[in-house]
Amino acid sequence: MPQRHKPEAAAEIGAGKITVHLDELLAARGMTLTELSDLVGITIVNLSVLKNGHARAIRFSTLAGICDALDCQPGDILTRQKPAD
């Protein structure tokens, strides 16, 4: 059976790197991860997975909730770095 590329490998090969900016947004707003968790209704563990860049997916409803709580746009939370040529 042929091996599939892991998502991390695919990101390294051609899709670019997604960076999560929750730390910066929380600091700018003087908010803790615990406060964000309470506002959005997501566990601290799941927010930590996202914050540390280990999430494989995020629901639009979760992203919208984080945007509402932080008064920001999705592009303020997630950015994509294009791969080097």
C-alpha atoms as a PDB file:
ATOM      1  CA  MET A   1       0.000   0.000   0.000  1.00  0.00           C
ATOM      2  CA  PRO A   2       1.513   3.390  -0.963  1.00  0.00           C
ATOM      3  CA  GLN A   3       2.281   5.749   1.894  1.00  0.00           C
ATOM      4  CA  ARG A   4       0.399   9.005   2.071  1.00  0.00           C
ATOM      5  CA  HIS A   5       2.077  12.272   2.915  1.00  0.00           C
ATOM      6  CA  LYS A   6       1.420  13.467   6.408  1.00  0.00           C
ATOM      7  CA  PRO A   7      -0.257  16.910   6.563  1.00  0.00           C
ATOM      8  CA  GLU A   8       2.978  18.351   7.980  1.00  0.00           C
ATOM      9  CA  ALA A   9       4.937  17.038   5.009  1.00  0.00           C
ATOM     10  CA  ALA A  10       2.393  18.447   2.558  1.00  0.00           C
ATOM     11  CA  ALA A  11       2.720  21.819   4.244  1.00  0.00           C
ATOM     12  CA  GLU A  12       6.487  21.655   3.863  1.00  0.00           C
ATOM     13  CA  ILE A  13       6.375  20.542   0.220  1.00  0.00           C
ATOM     14  CA  GLY A  14       4.081  23.077  -1.389  1.00  0.00           C
ATOM     15  CA  ALA A  15       1.209  24.421   0.636  1.00  0.00           C
ATOM     16  CA  GLY A  16       3.198  26.858   2.760  1.00  0.00           C
ATOM     17  CA  LYS A  17       3.115  27.292   6.508  1.00  0.00           C
ATOM     18  CA  ILE A  18       0.102  28.517   8.477  1.00  0.00           C
ATOM     19  CA  THR A  19       1.000  30.665  11.484  1.00  0.00           C
ATOM     20  CA  VAL A  20      -1.408  31.260  14.367  1.00  0.00           C
ATOM     21  CA  HIS A  21      -1.234  34.654  16.096  1.00  0.00           C
ATOM     22  CA  LEU A  22      -3.385  34.034  19.176  1.00  0.00           C
ATOM     23  CA  ASP A  23      -0.594  34.919  21.614  1.00  0.00           C
ATOM     24  CA  GLU A  24      -0.115  38.334  20.062  1.00  0.00           C
ATOM     25  CA  LEU A  25      -3.848  39.067  19.902  1.00  0.00           C
ATOM     26  CA  LEU A  26      -4.418  37.982  23.504  1.00  0.00           C
ATOM     27  CA  ALA A  27      -1.501  40.100  24.726  1.00  0.00           C
ATOM     28  CA  ALA A  28      -2.696  43.143  22.773  1.00  0.00           C
ATOM     29  CA  ARG A  29      -6.113  42.842  24.402  1.00  0.00           C
ATOM     30  CA  GLY A  30      -4.854  41.986  27.891  1.00  0.00           C
ATOM     31  CA  MET A  31      -6.808  38.734  27.777  1.00  0.00           C
ATOM     32  CA  THR A  32      -5.822  35.279  29.003  1.00  0.00           C
ATOM     33  CA  LEU A  33      -6.379  31.986  27.256  1.00  0.00           C
ATOM     34  CA  THR A  34      -8.745  31.072  30.099  1.00  0.00           C
ATOM     35  CA  GLU A  35     -10.848  34.189  29.480  1.00  0.00           C
ATOM     36  CA  LEU A  36     -10.964  33.461  25.747  1.00  0.00           C
ATOM     37  CA  SER A  37     -11.958  29.882  26.494  1.00  0.00           C
ATOM     38  CA  ASP A  38     -14.865  31.075  28.643  1.00  0.00           C
ATOM     39  CA  LEU A  39     -16.016  33.610  26.042  1.00  0.00           C
ATOM     40  CA  VAL A  40     -15.889  31.208  23.113  1.00  0.00           C
ATOM     41  CA  GLY A  41     -16.953  28.025  24.892  1.00  0.00           C
ATOM     42  CA  ILE A  42     -13.904  26.012  23.857  1.00  0.00           C
ATOM     43  CA  THR A  43     -11.687  24.074  26.225  1.00  0.00           C
ATOM     44  CA  ILE A  44      -8.333  25.560  27.130  1.00  0.00           C
ATOM     45  CA  VAL A  45      -6.697  22.388  25.811  1.00  0.00           C
ATOM     46  CA  ASN A  46      -8.251  22.848  22.350  1.00  0.00           C
ATOM     47  CA  LEU A  47      -7.313  26.537  22.292  1.00  0.00           C
ATOM     48  CA  SER A  48      -3.764  25.618  23.299  1.00  0.00           C
ATOM     49  CA  VAL A  49      -3.549  23.118  20.441  1.00  0.00           C
ATOM     50  CA  LEU A  50      -4.616  25.879  18.044  1.00  0.00           C
ATOM     51  CA  LYS A  51      -2.395  28.519  19.648  1.00  0.00           C
ATOM     52  CA  ASN A  52       0.679  26.311  19.432  1.00  0.00           C
ATOM     53  CA  GLY A  53       0.102  25.547  15.756  1.00  0.00           C
ATOM     54  CA  HIS A  54      -0.719  21.861  16.263  1.00  0.00           C
ATOM     55  CA  ALA A  55      -4.345  21.967  15.104  1.00  0.00           C
ATOM     56  CA  ARG A  56      -5.135  20.111  11.899  1.00  0.00           C
ATOM     57  CA  ALA A  57      -8.453  21.892  11.369  1.00  0.00           C
ATOM     58  CA  ILE A  58     -10.692  24.578  12.839  1.00  0.00           C
ATOM     59  CA  ARG A  59     -14.455  24.892  12.508  1.00  0.00           C
ATOM     60  CA  PHE A  60     -15.743  28.106  11.010  1.00  0.00           C
ATOM     61  CA  SER A  61     -18.018  28.516  14.039  1.00  0.00           C
ATOM     62  CA  THR A  62     -14.970  28.301  16.320  1.00  0.00           C
ATOM     63  CA  LEU A  63     -13.041  30.777  14.199  1.00  0.00           C
ATOM     64  CA  ALA A  64     -16.034  33.136  14.196  1.00  0.00           C
ATOM     65  CA  GLY A  65     -16.343  32.838  17.983  1.00  0.00           C
ATOM     66  CA  ILE A  66     -12.676  33.674  18.461  1.00  0.00           C
ATOM     67  CA  CYS A  67     -13.022  36.628  16.074  1.00  0.00           C
ATOM     68  CA  ASP A  68     -16.060  37.890  17.998  1.00  0.00           C
ATOM     69  CA  ALA A  69     -14.278  37.559  21.355  1.00  0.00           C
ATOM     70  CA  LEU A  70     -11.098  39.261  20.107  1.00  0.00           C
ATOM     71  CA  ASP A  71     -12.856  41.775  17.822  1.00  0.00           C
ATOM     72  CA  CYS A  72     -10.726  40.768  14.847  1.00  0.00           C
ATOM     73  CA  GLN A  73     -10.831  39.137  11.430  1.00  0.00           C
ATOM     74  CA  PRO A  74      -9.746  35.557  10.570  1.00  0.00           C
ATOM     75  CA  GLY A  75      -6.693  36.971   8.793  1.00  0.00           C
ATOM     76  CA  ASP A  76      -5.584  38.533  12.075  1.00  0.00           C
ATOM     77  CA  ILE A  77      -5.488  35.055  13.651  1.00  0.00           C
ATOM     78  CA  LEU A  78      -4.126  32.963  10.781  1.00  0.00           C
ATOM     79  CA  THR A  79      -1.571  33.873   8.147  1.00  0.00           C
ATOM     80  CA  ARG A  80       0.050  31.790   5.433  1.00  0.00           C
ATOM     81  CA  GLN A  81       3.707  31.924   4.585  1.00  0.00           C
ATOM     82  CA  LYS A  82       4.295  30.909   0.994  1.00  0.00           C
ATOM     83  CA  PRO A  83       6.903  28.224   0.423  1.00  0.00           C
ATOM     84  CA  ALA A  84      10.291  29.259  -0.876  1.00  0.00           C
ATOM     85  CA  ASP A  85      10.863  28.620  -4.556  1.00  0.00           C
END
